[in-house]
Each structure stands twice: as structure tokens, then as C-alpha cells.
Amino acid sequence: LLAGQAARLGGFGQRGDVQRASAIVALVARLTGRPVKLVMPRHQIFHNARFRPHVRHSVRLGADADGRLVSAHYDSLQQNSRGGRYRADWYHAGPSRVYGITNYRGTSGDLRLDTQSPAQMRAPYEHPSSFAIESAVDELAYALGRDPVALRLANEAGFDPQNGNRLTSRLL
């Protein structure tokens, strides 16, 4: 019930796990029969709130003479807690599909630290990986002497290389 309530109330980009403080506030409200508001001093927020992990992205793209993307190697290394479940391999869910790169290799890893677990912040995993891929496409366009938008349109995928299904709408 609490998770459903959090989803209805918004969650401001953190609709994954319900944070521990939310359960305590709900329990106190139930026990007192009154609305309860949790206020934390700023220095305590960093020990209780979720955050997007620090991630190192390394993207290498390969293109033929016509500027067609033929290969990509995307490596990500992210900060995580000792028992954190924020999966680094999920960074690869979208990049290969955007441009239909059939020769895509995605590697990922966790740097386990003594910190709280990271989580989604205002966007899922695809957000930082999309920025990394798009930055690499900009660099490729510059290296090829091509317009970045024209290069993207020339590489627009019509199918999903992971399952072979036709993409029904892209709206680029």
C-alpha cells in the first residue's frame, strides 16, 4: 500500500524503491492519526536521500566512409554501495537501439564504496547513457566533417537490433 501511495503522490523521479524515512513517517501518521511531515537538516539529507551515482562513461564508435555507424564499444564504471542494486549493465538498454548499431559491445562495472545505495534521480538509467552516446556522436560528426543532425538522421534505426522488431514510431 505504501509503495502505491508514493507512486500516486509523485516521488519526483524516485518511483523505484520507497525510502526508509517514508515508511517511518507513514507509521507515525497512522499511530497518531494525524498528518506527519519529516523535516531533515541539510547535512542529514546526504545520509538518507537517494542520489544518481558517479559514472565514468567511455564510448568508442566506428563508422564507414559514408558515416554509417557500424560498431560501438561502451564501457561504464559506476559508484555503488556495498550491497547496492543499482545495476550498471542497465546503461546499455537504450544506446544500441537508438541508431541500430548491430556490432554493439557494452561492458559495465561497480566500484563498491561505503555509502548509501544510489537510485534513479528524475530519469532512469538511459538518461546518462544517452548523454554519453550523443556526445560521442557529436565528436564523430566533427571528426567526419559532417553536420551532427544530418549524421543522426542518416543513422536513424528502422528496427530494433536486439530483437529484430520494426520500430513503429520514432518522431525524430
Protein backbone atom coordinates (compact mmCIF):
# COMPACT_ATOMS: atom_id res chain seq x y z
CA LEU A 1 0.00 0.00 0.00
CA LEU A 2 2.79 2.44 0.87
CA ALA A 3 4.54 1.95 -2.48
CA GLY A 4 1.26 2.63 -4.30
CA GLN A 5 0.72 5.78 -2.25
CA ALA A 6 4.22 7.02 -3.06
CA ALA A 7 3.61 6.44 -6.78
CA ARG A 8 0.35 8.39 -6.67
CA LEU A 9 1.95 11.26 -4.75
CA GLY A 10 4.70 11.70 -7.31
CA GLY A 11 8.04 10.72 -5.88
CA PHE A 12 9.84 13.34 -8.02
CA GLY A 13 11.71 10.84 -10.13
CA GLN A 14 12.24 8.27 -7.41
CA ARG A 15 9.40 5.90 -8.10
CA GLY A 16 11.63 2.89 -7.61
CA ASP A 17 12.14 1.86 -4.00
CA VAL A 18 10.32 3.60 -1.17
CA GLN A 19 12.87 5.17 1.13
CA ARG A 20 13.07 4.12 4.78
CA ALA A 21 12.05 7.56 6.04
CA SER A 22 8.76 7.32 4.13
CA ALA A 23 7.80 4.15 5.99
CA ILE A 24 8.61 5.75 9.37
CA VAL A 25 6.54 8.85 8.55
CA ALA A 26 3.60 6.69 7.42
CA LEU A 27 3.79 4.60 10.60
CA VAL A 28 3.88 7.68 12.87
CA ALA A 29 0.94 9.22 10.98
CA ARG A 30 -1.02 6.00 11.42
CA LEU A 31 -0.19 5.80 15.15
CA THR A 32 -1.07 9.44 15.85
CA GLY A 33 -3.99 9.67 13.45
CA ARG A 34 -2.65 12.99 12.19
CA PRO A 35 -0.63 14.20 9.20
CA VAL A 36 3.12 13.99 9.76
CA LYS A 37 5.86 15.88 7.97
CA LEU A 38 9.50 14.83 8.16
CA VAL A 39 11.99 17.69 8.13
CA MET A 40 15.69 16.86 7.97
CA PRO A 41 18.59 19.24 8.38
CA ARG A 42 20.58 19.51 5.14
CA HIS A 43 23.57 17.58 6.50
CA GLN A 44 21.31 14.57 7.22
CA ILE A 45 19.88 14.53 3.69
CA PHE A 46 23.17 13.18 2.34
CA HIS A 47 22.89 10.13 4.60
CA ASN A 48 19.25 9.38 3.82
CA ALA A 49 18.32 10.57 0.33
CA ARG A 50 18.98 8.64 -2.86
CA PHE A 51 21.32 10.01 -5.49
CA ARG A 52 22.46 9.28 -9.02
CA PRO A 53 25.85 7.54 -8.84
CA HIS A 54 29.04 8.95 -10.22
CA VAL A 55 29.66 7.13 -13.52
CA ARG A 56 32.61 7.05 -15.86
CA HIS A 57 31.48 6.54 -19.45
CA SER A 58 33.85 5.55 -22.23
CA VAL A 59 32.32 5.35 -25.72
CA ARG A 60 34.06 4.41 -28.95
CA LEU A 61 32.16 4.48 -32.23
CA GLY A 62 33.08 3.03 -35.59
CA ALA A 63 31.72 4.35 -38.88
CA ASP A 64 32.25 3.52 -42.54
CA ALA A 65 33.29 6.06 -45.20
CA ASP A 66 29.65 7.13 -45.67
CA GLY A 67 29.26 7.92 -41.95
CA ARG A 68 27.13 4.86 -41.22
CA LEU A 69 27.62 3.67 -37.63
CA VAL A 70 28.86 0.09 -37.81
CA SER A 71 30.18 -0.56 -34.30
CA ALA A 72 30.23 0.75 -30.76
CA HIS A 73 32.03 -0.13 -27.55
CA TYR A 74 30.54 1.47 -24.48
CA ASP A 75 32.15 0.90 -21.09
CA SER A 76 30.66 2.23 -17.86
CA LEU A 77 32.04 2.13 -14.33
CA GLN A 78 29.74 3.41 -11.60
CA GLN A 79 29.86 4.12 -7.90
CA ASN A 80 27.68 1.81 -5.83
CA SER A 81 27.20 0.86 -2.19
CA ARG A 82 28.47 -2.45 -0.83
CA GLY A 83 25.06 -4.08 -1.29
CA GLY A 84 23.58 -1.65 -3.81
CA ARG A 85 21.24 -2.91 -6.52
CA TYR A 86 21.64 -0.01 -8.98
CA ARG A 87 22.66 -2.05 -12.00
CA ALA A 88 25.42 -0.67 -14.20
CA ASP A 89 24.51 -3.03 -17.06
CA TRP A 90 21.20 -1.20 -17.49
CA TYR A 91 23.11 1.72 -19.05
CA HIS A 92 23.18 -0.42 -22.20
CA ALA A 93 19.41 -0.81 -22.52
CA GLY A 94 18.97 2.05 -24.99
CA PRO A 95 22.15 3.14 -26.80
CA SER A 96 22.39 0.25 -29.26
CA ARG A 97 18.75 0.71 -30.21
CA VAL A 98 18.86 4.43 -30.95
CA TYR A 99 20.99 4.09 -34.06
CA GLY A 100 20.54 0.39 -34.82
CA ILE A 101 24.16 -0.47 -34.07
CA THR A 102 24.35 -4.21 -34.64
CA ASN A 103 28.00 -4.54 -33.55
CA TYR A 104 27.49 -3.14 -30.06
CA ARG A 105 29.56 -4.19 -27.08
CA GLY A 106 28.56 -2.89 -23.68
CA THR A 107 30.62 -3.54 -20.56
CA SER A 108 29.93 -2.25 -17.09
CA GLY A 109 31.14 -2.48 -13.54
CA ASP A 110 30.60 -1.30 -9.99
CA LEU A 111 33.05 0.46 -7.73
CA ARG A 112 31.71 -0.67 -4.32
CA LEU A 113 32.03 2.01 -1.64
CA ASP A 114 30.91 2.54 1.94
CA THR A 115 27.96 4.81 1.10
CA GLN A 116 24.20 4.59 0.81
CA SER A 117 22.78 3.00 -2.32
CA PRO A 118 22.31 5.15 -5.42
CA ALA A 119 18.96 5.22 -7.20
CA GLN A 120 17.13 6.86 -10.08
CA MET A 121 17.04 10.64 -10.00
CA ARG A 122 14.47 12.37 -12.22
CA ALA A 123 15.20 9.91 -15.04
CA PRO A 124 16.01 6.21 -15.43
CA TYR A 125 19.36 4.69 -16.41
CA GLU A 126 19.01 5.74 -20.02
CA HIS A 127 19.49 9.41 -19.17
CA PRO A 128 23.27 9.39 -18.51
CA SER A 129 23.91 6.75 -21.16
CA SER A 130 22.01 8.78 -23.76
CA PHE A 131 24.14 11.81 -22.94
CA ALA A 132 27.32 9.74 -23.31
CA ILE A 133 26.27 8.26 -26.67
CA GLU A 134 25.04 11.58 -28.06
CA SER A 135 28.29 13.27 -27.03
CA ALA A 136 30.22 10.56 -28.87
CA VAL A 137 28.03 11.03 -31.97
CA ASP A 138 28.77 14.77 -31.86
CA GLU A 139 32.51 14.01 -31.72
CA LEU A 140 32.18 11.54 -34.60
CA ALA A 141 30.32 14.11 -36.72
CA TYR A 142 33.08 16.63 -36.07
CA ALA A 143 35.79 14.08 -36.97
CA LEU A 144 33.95 13.19 -40.22
CA GLY A 145 33.27 16.82 -41.09
CA ARG A 146 29.51 16.14 -41.13
CA ASP A 147 26.57 18.03 -39.73
CA PRO A 148 25.64 16.34 -36.40
CA VAL A 149 21.89 16.38 -37.14
CA ALA A 150 22.39 15.03 -40.67
CA LEU A 151 24.61 12.25 -39.28
CA ARG A 152 21.92 11.28 -36.76
CA LEU A 153 19.17 11.26 -39.38
CA ALA A 154 21.32 9.16 -41.73
CA ASN A 155 21.74 6.59 -38.95
CA GLU A 156 18.13 6.51 -37.81
CA ALA A 157 17.19 2.93 -36.98
CA GLY A 158 14.10 1.38 -38.52
CA PHE A 159 14.34 -1.79 -36.44
CA ASP A 160 15.50 -2.90 -33.02
CA PRO A 161 18.85 -4.70 -33.47
CA GLN A 162 18.34 -6.64 -30.23
CA ASN A 163 15.14 -8.40 -31.27
CA GLY A 164 14.68 -7.56 -34.99
CA ASN A 165 11.29 -5.90 -34.46
CA ARG A 166 10.37 -2.88 -36.59
CA LEU A 167 10.20 0.39 -34.67
CA THR A 168 6.71 1.79 -35.06
CA SER A 169 7.38 5.42 -34.12
CA ARG A 170 10.46 7.49 -33.55
CA LEU A 171 9.33 11.09 -34.11
CA LEU A 172 12.82 12.40 -34.84
